[in-house]
């Protein structure tokens, strides 16, 4: 007997992976732009 997860679980997992990837990308961009924003004031 082979047990497989429901179909919606696969979509939820891929959605979570995509969400985490976007979160990491947004955090990376936010960290990159902060030093550039402080330069004109220096």
Protein backbone atom coordinates (compact mmCIF):
# COMPACT_ATOMS: atom_id res chain seq x y z
CA UNK A 1 0.00 0.00 0.00
CA UNK A 2 1.54 3.27 -1.15
CA UNK A 3 0.45 6.39 0.73
CA UNK A 4 0.73 9.70 -1.12
CA UNK A 5 -0.07 13.17 0.22
CA UNK A 6 -3.13 15.00 -1.07
CA UNK A 7 -2.72 17.08 -4.23
CA UNK A 8 -3.30 20.41 -2.48
CA UNK A 9 -0.43 19.72 -0.09
CA UNK A 10 2.02 19.77 -2.99
CA UNK A 11 0.74 23.17 -4.13
CA UNK A 12 0.95 24.49 -0.58
CA UNK A 13 4.57 23.32 -0.26
CA UNK A 14 5.57 24.94 -3.56
CA UNK A 15 3.76 28.11 -2.51
CA UNK A 16 5.68 28.15 0.76
CA UNK A 17 8.98 27.68 -1.10
CA UNK A 18 8.13 30.56 -3.43
CA UNK A 19 7.09 32.75 -0.50
CA UNK A 20 10.34 32.07 1.36
CA UNK A 21 12.35 32.81 -1.79
CA UNK A 22 10.59 36.16 -2.21
CA UNK A 23 11.13 36.93 1.47
CA UNK A 24 14.86 36.22 1.20
CA UNK A 25 15.09 38.29 -1.98
CA UNK A 26 13.29 41.23 -0.36
CA UNK A 27 15.53 41.05 2.71
CA UNK A 28 18.64 40.90 0.52
CA UNK A 29 17.54 43.94 -1.48
CA UNK A 30 16.71 45.84 1.72
CA UNK A 31 20.16 45.13 3.14
CA UNK A 32 21.83 46.21 -0.10
CA UNK A 33 20.01 49.54 -0.36
CA UNK A 34 20.59 50.67 3.25
CA UNK A 35 24.30 51.58 2.93
CA UNK A 36 23.57 53.42 -0.33
CA UNK A 37 20.86 55.46 1.39
CA UNK A 38 23.25 56.61 4.13
CA UNK A 39 26.01 57.78 1.77
CA UNK A 40 24.45 61.08 0.58
CA UNK A 41 24.02 62.25 4.20
CA UNK A 42 27.64 61.53 5.09
